[in-house]
Amino acid sequence: KELWPPRDRMVEKFKAMREPYLSK
């Protein structure tokens, strides 16, 4: 538990990673 990366940053990152796929 103590070693997980910050969730808010992970959500932000993967939202950005997902966007190019949806804009195809």
PDB file of all heavy atoms in Angstrom:
ATOM      1  N   LYS A   1       0.810  -1.228   0.000  1.00  0.00           N
ATOM      2  CA  LYS A   1       0.000   0.000   0.000  1.00  0.00           C
ATOM      3  C   LYS A   1       0.835   1.267   0.000  1.00  0.00           C
ATOM      4  O   LYS A   1       0.526   2.231  -0.699  1.00  0.00           O
ATOM      5  CB  LYS A   1      -0.941  -0.016   1.203  1.00  0.00           C
ATOM      6  CG  LYS A   1      -1.948   1.121   1.227  1.00  0.00           C
ATOM      7  CD  LYS A   1      -2.916   0.950   2.392  1.00  0.00           C
ATOM      8  CE  LYS A   1      -3.973   2.048   2.376  1.00  0.00           C
ATOM      9  NZ  LYS A   1      -4.928   1.872   3.499  1.00  0.00           N
ATOM     10  N   GLU A   2       1.908   1.269   0.781  1.00  0.00           N
ATOM     11  CA  GLU A   2       2.692   2.496   0.937  1.00  0.00           C
ATOM     12  C   GLU A   2       3.513   2.846  -0.311  1.00  0.00           C
ATOM     13  O   GLU A   2       4.073   3.939  -0.399  1.00  0.00           O
ATOM     14  CB  GLU A   2       3.617   2.380   2.148  1.00  0.00           C
ATOM     15  CG  GLU A   2       4.738   1.363   1.987  1.00  0.00           C
ATOM     16  CD  GLU A   2       5.675   1.337   3.178  1.00  0.00           C
ATOM     17  OE1 GLU A   2       5.416   2.075   4.155  1.00  0.00           O
ATOM     18  OE2 GLU A   2       6.661   0.586   3.123  1.00  0.00           O
ATOM     19  N   LEU A   3       3.577   1.923  -1.250  1.00  0.00           N
ATOM     20  CA  LEU A   3       4.436   2.124  -2.418  1.00  0.00           C
ATOM     21  C   LEU A   3       3.671   2.427  -3.710  1.00  0.00           C
ATOM     22  O   LEU A   3       4.278   2.632  -4.750  1.00  0.00           O
ATOM     23  CB  LEU A   3       5.321   0.889  -2.627  1.00  0.00           C
ATOM     24  CG  LEU A   3       6.292   0.591  -1.479  1.00  0.00           C
ATOM     25  CD1 LEU A   3       6.958  -0.760  -1.681  1.00  0.00           C
ATOM     26  CD2 LEU A   3       7.344   1.682  -1.373  1.00  0.00           C
ATOM     27  N   TRP A   4       2.323   2.473  -3.645  1.00  0.00           N
ATOM     28  CA  TRP A   4       1.558   2.811  -4.845  1.00  0.00           C
ATOM     29  C   TRP A   4       1.846   4.244  -5.261  1.00  0.00           C
ATOM     30  O   TRP A   4       1.997   5.126  -4.417  1.00  0.00           O
ATOM     31  CB  TRP A   4       0.059   2.674  -4.595  1.00  0.00           C
ATOM     32  CG  TRP A   4      -0.493   1.295  -4.447  1.00  0.00           C
ATOM     33  CD1 TRP A   4      -1.273   0.844  -3.430  1.00  0.00           C
ATOM     34  CD2 TRP A   4      -0.362   0.187  -5.345  1.00  0.00           C
ATOM     35  NE1 TRP A   4      -1.625  -0.470  -3.616  1.00  0.00           N
ATOM     36  CE2 TRP A   4      -1.077  -0.902  -4.790  1.00  0.00           C
ATOM     37  CE3 TRP A   4       0.299   0.007  -6.557  1.00  0.00           C
ATOM     38  CZ2 TRP A   4      -1.147  -2.142  -5.414  1.00  0.00           C
ATOM     39  CZ3 TRP A   4       0.223  -1.235  -7.169  1.00  0.00           C
ATOM     40  CH2 TRP A   4      -0.489  -2.288  -6.608  1.00  0.00           C
ATOM     41  N   PRO A   5       1.907   4.516  -6.570  1.00  0.00           N
ATOM     42  CA  PRO A   5       2.060   5.903  -7.027  1.00  0.00           C
ATOM     43  C   PRO A   5       0.785   6.697  -6.734  1.00  0.00           C
ATOM     44  O   PRO A   5      -0.286   6.102  -6.558  1.00  0.00           O
ATOM     45  CB  PRO A   5       2.297   5.762  -8.534  1.00  0.00           C
ATOM     46  CG  PRO A   5       1.734   4.434  -8.894  1.00  0.00           C
ATOM     47  CD  PRO A   5       1.885   3.561  -7.686  1.00  0.00           C
ATOM     48  N   PRO A   6       0.865   8.030  -6.676  1.00  0.00           N
ATOM     49  CA  PRO A   6      -0.311   8.846  -6.372  1.00  0.00           C
ATOM     50  C   PRO A   6      -1.447   8.585  -7.366  1.00  0.00           C
ATOM     51  O   PRO A   6      -1.245   8.673  -8.582  1.00  0.00           O
ATOM     52  CB  PRO A   6       0.205  10.288  -6.497  1.00  0.00           C
ATOM     53  CG  PRO A   6       1.688  10.170  -6.313  1.00  0.00           C
ATOM     54  CD  PRO A   6       2.076   8.836  -6.872  1.00  0.00           C
ATOM     55  N   ARG A   7      -2.629   8.285  -6.843  1.00  0.00           N
ATOM     56  CA  ARG A   7      -3.747   7.909  -7.707  1.00  0.00           C
ATOM     57  C   ARG A   7      -4.169   9.041  -8.641  1.00  0.00           C
ATOM     58  O   ARG A   7      -4.465   8.817  -9.807  1.00  0.00           O
ATOM     59  CB  ARG A   7      -4.937   7.450  -6.865  1.00  0.00           C
ATOM     60  CG  ARG A   7      -6.082   6.914  -7.723  1.00  0.00           C
ATOM     61  CD  ARG A   7      -7.257   6.436  -6.903  1.00  0.00           C
ATOM     62  NE  ARG A   7      -8.342   6.006  -7.758  1.00  0.00           N
ATOM     63  CZ  ARG A   7      -8.492   4.782  -8.246  1.00  0.00           C
ATOM     64  NH1 ARG A   7      -7.625   3.839  -7.930  1.00  0.00           N
ATOM     65  NH2 ARG A   7      -9.519   4.464  -9.030  1.00  0.00           N
ATOM     66  N   ASP A   8      -4.193  10.271  -8.136  1.00  0.00           N
ATOM     67  CA  ASP A   8      -4.632  11.385  -8.973  1.00  0.00           C
ATOM     68  C   ASP A   8      -3.711  11.577 -10.174  1.00  0.00           C
ATOM     69  O   ASP A   8      -4.164  11.849 -11.290  1.00  0.00           O
ATOM     70  CB  ASP A   8      -4.744  12.681  -8.161  1.00  0.00           C
ATOM     71  CG  ASP A   8      -3.445  13.056  -7.456  1.00  0.00           C
ATOM     72  OD1 ASP A   8      -2.551  12.204  -7.305  1.00  0.00           O
ATOM     73  OD2 ASP A   8      -3.325  14.224  -7.034  1.00  0.00           O
ATOM     74  N   ARG A   9      -2.425  11.378  -9.966  1.00  0.00           N
ATOM     75  CA  ARG A   9      -1.469  11.485 -11.075  1.00  0.00           C
ATOM     76  C   ARG A   9      -1.645  10.328 -12.052  1.00  0.00           C
ATOM     77  O   ARG A   9      -1.508  10.502 -13.270  1.00  0.00           O
ATOM     78  CB  ARG A   9      -0.033  11.507 -10.559  1.00  0.00           C
ATOM     79  CG  ARG A   9       0.376  12.788  -9.855  1.00  0.00           C
ATOM     80  CD  ARG A   9       1.858  12.768  -9.510  1.00  0.00           C
ATOM     81  NE  ARG A   9       2.695  12.796 -10.709  1.00  0.00           N
ATOM     82  CZ  ARG A   9       4.007  12.542 -10.709  1.00  0.00           C
ATOM     83  NH1 ARG A   9       4.606  12.171  -9.592  1.00  0.00           N
ATOM     84  NH2 ARG A   9       4.704  12.602 -11.835  1.00  0.00           N
ATOM     85  N   MET A  10      -1.949   9.145 -11.532  1.00  0.00           N
ATOM     86  CA  MET A  10      -2.171   7.985 -12.399  1.00  0.00           C
ATOM     87  C   MET A  10      -3.415   8.189 -13.266  1.00  0.00           C
ATOM     88  O   MET A  10      -3.394   7.897 -14.471  1.00  0.00           O
ATOM     89  CB  MET A  10      -2.325   6.720 -11.551  1.00  0.00           C
ATOM     90  CG  MET A  10      -1.051   6.282 -10.862  1.00  0.00           C
ATOM     91  SD  MET A  10       0.190   5.608 -11.999  1.00  0.00           S
ATOM     92  CE  MET A  10      -0.457   3.955 -12.262  1.00  0.00           C
ATOM     93  N   VAL A  11      -4.485   8.700 -12.666  1.00  0.00           N
ATOM     94  CA  VAL A  11      -5.709   8.970 -13.433  1.00  0.00           C
ATOM     95  C   VAL A  11      -5.418   9.983 -14.528  1.00  0.00           C
ATOM     96  O   VAL A  11      -5.816   9.800 -15.697  1.00  0.00           O
ATOM     97  CB  VAL A  11      -6.826   9.477 -12.499  1.00  0.00           C
ATOM     98  CG1 VAL A  11      -8.011   9.995 -13.321  1.00  0.00           C
ATOM     99  CG2 VAL A  11      -7.280   8.372 -11.555  1.00  0.00           C
ATOM    100  N   GLU A  12      -4.704  11.025 -14.184  1.00  0.00           N
ATOM    101  CA  GLU A  12      -4.363  12.059 -15.171  1.00  0.00           C
ATOM    102  C   GLU A  12      -3.519  11.484 -16.300  1.00  0.00           C
ATOM    103  O   GLU A  12      -3.764  11.760 -17.485  1.00  0.00           O
ATOM    104  CB  GLU A  12      -3.600  13.188 -14.463  1.00  0.00           C
ATOM    105  CG  GLU A  12      -3.223  14.346 -15.362  1.00  0.00           C
ATOM    106  CD  GLU A  12      -2.458  15.432 -14.625  1.00  0.00           C
ATOM    107  OE1 GLU A  12      -2.397  15.389 -13.374  1.00  0.00           O
ATOM    108  OE2 GLU A  12      -1.909  16.323 -15.295  1.00  0.00           O
ATOM    109  N   LYS A  13      -2.555  10.663 -15.943  1.00  0.00           N
ATOM    110  CA  LYS A  13      -1.670  10.074 -16.954  1.00  0.00           C
ATOM    111  C   LYS A  13      -2.433   9.180 -17.918  1.00  0.00           C
ATOM    112  O   LYS A  13      -2.280   9.285 -19.140  1.00  0.00           O
ATOM    113  CB  LYS A  13      -0.554   9.280 -16.277  1.00  0.00           C
ATOM    114  CG  LYS A  13       0.278   8.482 -17.284  1.00  0.00           C
ATOM    115  CD  LYS A  13       1.304   7.597 -16.645  1.00  0.00           C
ATOM    116  CE  LYS A  13       1.967   6.726 -17.717  1.00  0.00           C
ATOM    117  NZ  LYS A  13       3.117   5.966 -17.218  1.00  0.00           N
ATOM    118  N   PHE A  14      -3.262   8.287 -17.369  1.00  0.00           N
ATOM    119  CA  PHE A  14      -3.930   7.319 -18.235  1.00  0.00           C
ATOM    120  C   PHE A  14      -5.084   7.937 -19.020  1.00  0.00           C
ATOM    121  O   PHE A  14      -5.430   7.445 -20.098  1.00  0.00           O
ATOM    122  CB  PHE A  14      -4.363   6.101 -17.427  1.00  0.00           C
ATOM    123  CG  PHE A  14      -3.223   5.161 -17.163  1.00  0.00           C
ATOM    124  CD1 PHE A  14      -2.568   5.167 -15.938  1.00  0.00           C
ATOM    125  CD2 PHE A  14      -2.772   4.302 -18.149  1.00  0.00           C
ATOM    126  CE1 PHE A  14      -1.497   4.323 -15.699  1.00  0.00           C
ATOM    127  CE2 PHE A  14      -1.698   3.450 -17.925  1.00  0.00           C
ATOM    128  CZ  PHE A  14      -1.057   3.463 -16.697  1.00  0.00           C
ATOM    129  N   LYS A  15      -5.661   9.001 -18.516  1.00  0.00           N
ATOM    130  CA  LYS A  15      -6.621   9.756 -19.322  1.00  0.00           C
ATOM    131  C   LYS A  15      -5.922  10.282 -20.571  1.00  0.00           C
ATOM    132  O   LYS A  15      -6.459  10.190 -21.690  1.00  0.00           O
ATOM    133  CB  LYS A  15      -7.188  10.925 -18.515  1.00  0.00           C
ATOM    134  CG  LYS A  15      -8.368  10.597 -17.644  1.00  0.00           C
ATOM    135  CD  LYS A  15      -8.898  11.865 -16.974  1.00  0.00           C
ATOM    136  CE  LYS A  15     -10.119  11.567 -16.113  1.00  0.00           C
ATOM    137  NZ  LYS A  15     -10.589  12.784 -15.411  1.00  0.00           N
ATOM    138  N   ALA A  16      -4.748  10.850 -20.378  1.00  0.00           N
ATOM    139  CA  ALA A  16      -3.980  11.398 -21.504  1.00  0.00           C
ATOM    140  C   ALA A  16      -3.545  10.287 -22.457  1.00  0.00           C
ATOM    141  O   ALA A  16      -3.542  10.476 -23.680  1.00  0.00           O
ATOM    142  CB  ALA A  16      -2.774  12.159 -20.983  1.00  0.00           C
ATOM    143  N   MET A  17      -3.175   9.120 -21.925  1.00  0.00           N
ATOM    144  CA  MET A  17      -2.748   8.017 -22.780  1.00  0.00           C
ATOM    145  C   MET A  17      -3.912   7.458 -23.595  1.00  0.00           C
ATOM    146  O   MET A  17      -3.730   6.996 -24.723  1.00  0.00           O
ATOM    147  CB  MET A  17      -2.141   6.904 -21.921  1.00  0.00           C
ATOM    148  CG  MET A  17      -0.800   7.244 -21.315  1.00  0.00           C
ATOM    149  SD  MET A  17      -0.097   5.877 -20.352  1.00  0.00           S
ATOM    150  CE  MET A  17       0.277   4.688 -21.640  1.00  0.00           C
ATOM    151  N   ARG A  18      -5.111   7.509 -23.019  1.00  0.00           N
ATOM    152  CA  ARG A  18      -6.283   6.942 -23.687  1.00  0.00           C
ATOM    153  C   ARG A  18      -6.788   7.827 -24.833  1.00  0.00           C
ATOM    154  O   ARG A  18      -7.321   7.327 -25.830  1.00  0.00           O
ATOM    155  CB  ARG A  18      -7.393   6.757 -22.649  1.00  0.00           C
ATOM    156  CG  ARG A  18      -8.673   6.128 -23.169  1.00  0.00           C
ATOM    157  CD  ARG A  18      -9.619   5.867 -22.007  1.00  0.00           C
ATOM    158  NE  ARG A  18     -10.842   5.216 -22.429  1.00  0.00           N
ATOM    159  CZ  ARG A  18     -12.043   5.770 -22.382  1.00  0.00           C
ATOM    160  NH1 ARG A  18     -12.196   7.004 -21.911  1.00  0.00           N
ATOM    161  NH2 ARG A  18     -13.116   5.106 -22.788  1.00  0.00           N
ATOM    162  N   GLU A  19      -6.610   9.114 -24.704  1.00  0.00           N
ATOM    163  CA  GLU A  19      -7.208  10.068 -25.635  1.00  0.00           C
ATOM    164  C   GLU A  19      -6.852   9.825 -27.098  1.00  0.00           C
ATOM    165  O   GLU A  19      -7.739   9.846 -27.971  1.00  0.00           O
ATOM    166  CB  GLU A  19      -6.819  11.506 -25.227  1.00  0.00           C
ATOM    167  CG  GLU A  19      -7.571  12.591 -25.973  1.00  0.00           C
ATOM    168  CD  GLU A  19      -9.077  12.474 -25.822  1.00  0.00           C
ATOM    169  OE1 GLU A  19      -9.542  12.124 -24.725  1.00  0.00           O
ATOM    170  OE2 GLU A  19      -9.779  12.720 -26.818  1.00  0.00           O
ATOM    171  N   PRO A  20      -5.583   9.582 -27.437  1.00  0.00           N
ATOM    172  CA  PRO A  20      -5.258   9.353 -28.856  1.00  0.00           C
ATOM    173  C   PRO A  20      -5.976   8.154 -29.463  1.00  0.00           C
ATOM    174  O   PRO A  20      -6.314   8.175 -30.648  1.00  0.00           O
ATOM    175  CB  PRO A  20      -3.737   9.127 -28.821  1.00  0.00           C
ATOM    176  CG  PRO A  20      -3.269   9.779 -27.583  1.00  0.00           C
ATOM    177  CD  PRO A  20      -4.377   9.590 -26.599  1.00  0.00           C
ATOM    178  N   TYR A  21      -6.227   7.132 -28.660  1.00  0.00           N
ATOM    179  CA  TYR A  21      -6.939   5.956 -29.154  1.00  0.00           C
ATOM    180  C   TYR A  21      -8.392   6.310 -29.498  1.00  0.00           C
ATOM    181  O   TYR A  21      -8.944   5.845 -30.492  1.00  0.00           O
ATOM    182  CB  TYR A  21      -6.929   4.840 -28.117  1.00  0.00           C
ATOM    183  CG  TYR A  21      -5.577   4.227 -27.875  1.00  0.00           C
ATOM    184  CD1 TYR A  21      -4.744   4.712 -26.885  1.00  0.00           C
ATOM    185  CD2 TYR A  21      -5.130   3.143 -28.629  1.00  0.00           C
ATOM    186  CE1 TYR A  21      -3.485   4.145 -26.649  1.00  0.00           C
ATOM    187  CE2 TYR A  21      -3.898   2.560 -28.398  1.00  0.00           C
ATOM    188  CZ  TYR A  21      -3.080   3.075 -27.415  1.00  0.00           C
ATOM    189  OH  TYR A  21      -1.843   2.514 -27.191  1.00  0.00           O
ATOM    190  N   LEU A  22      -9.007   7.150 -28.665  1.00  0.00           N
ATOM    191  CA  LEU A  22     -10.414   7.498 -28.872  1.00  0.00           C
ATOM    192  C   LEU A  22     -10.609   8.483 -29.994  1.00  0.00           C
ATOM    193  O   LEU A  22     -11.697   8.584 -30.564  1.00  0.00           O
ATOM    194  CB  LEU A  22     -10.998   8.075 -27.574  1.00  0.00           C
ATOM    195  CG  LEU A  22     -10.932   7.179 -26.336  1.00  0.00           C
ATOM    196  CD1 LEU A  22     -11.665   7.839 -25.179  1.00  0.00           C
ATOM    197  CD2 LEU A  22     -11.554   5.816 -26.620  1.00  0.00           C
ATOM    198  N   SER A  23      -9.557   9.204 -30.324  1.00  0.00           N
ATOM    199  CA  SER A  23      -9.664  10.213 -31.383  1.00  0.00           C
ATOM    200  C   SER A  23      -9.312   9.661 -32.757  1.00  0.00           C
ATOM    201  O   SER A  23      -9.284  10.410 -33.734  1.00  0.00           O
ATOM    202  CB  SER A  23      -8.777  11.414 -31.053  1.00  0.00           C
ATOM    203  OG  SER A  23      -7.407  11.028 -30.969  1.00  0.00           O
ATOM    204  N   LYS A  24      -9.025   8.358 -32.827  1.00  0.00           N
ATOM    205  CA  LYS A  24      -8.724   7.745 -34.115  1.00  0.00           C
ATOM    206  C   LYS A  24      -9.923   7.858 -35.046  1.00  0.00           C
ATOM    207  O   LYS A  24     -11.060   7.690 -34.618  1.00  0.00           O
ATOM    208  CB  LYS A  24      -8.350   6.273 -33.947  1.00  0.00           C
ATOM    209  CG  LYS A  24      -7.013   6.017 -33.295  1.00  0.00           C
ATOM    210  CD  LYS A  24      -6.647   4.545 -33.356  1.00  0.00           C
ATOM    211  CE  LYS A  24      -7.653   3.684 -32.622  1.00  0.00           C
ATOM    212  NZ  LYS A  24      -7.222   2.265 -32.572  1.00  0.00           N
TER     213      LYS A  24
END
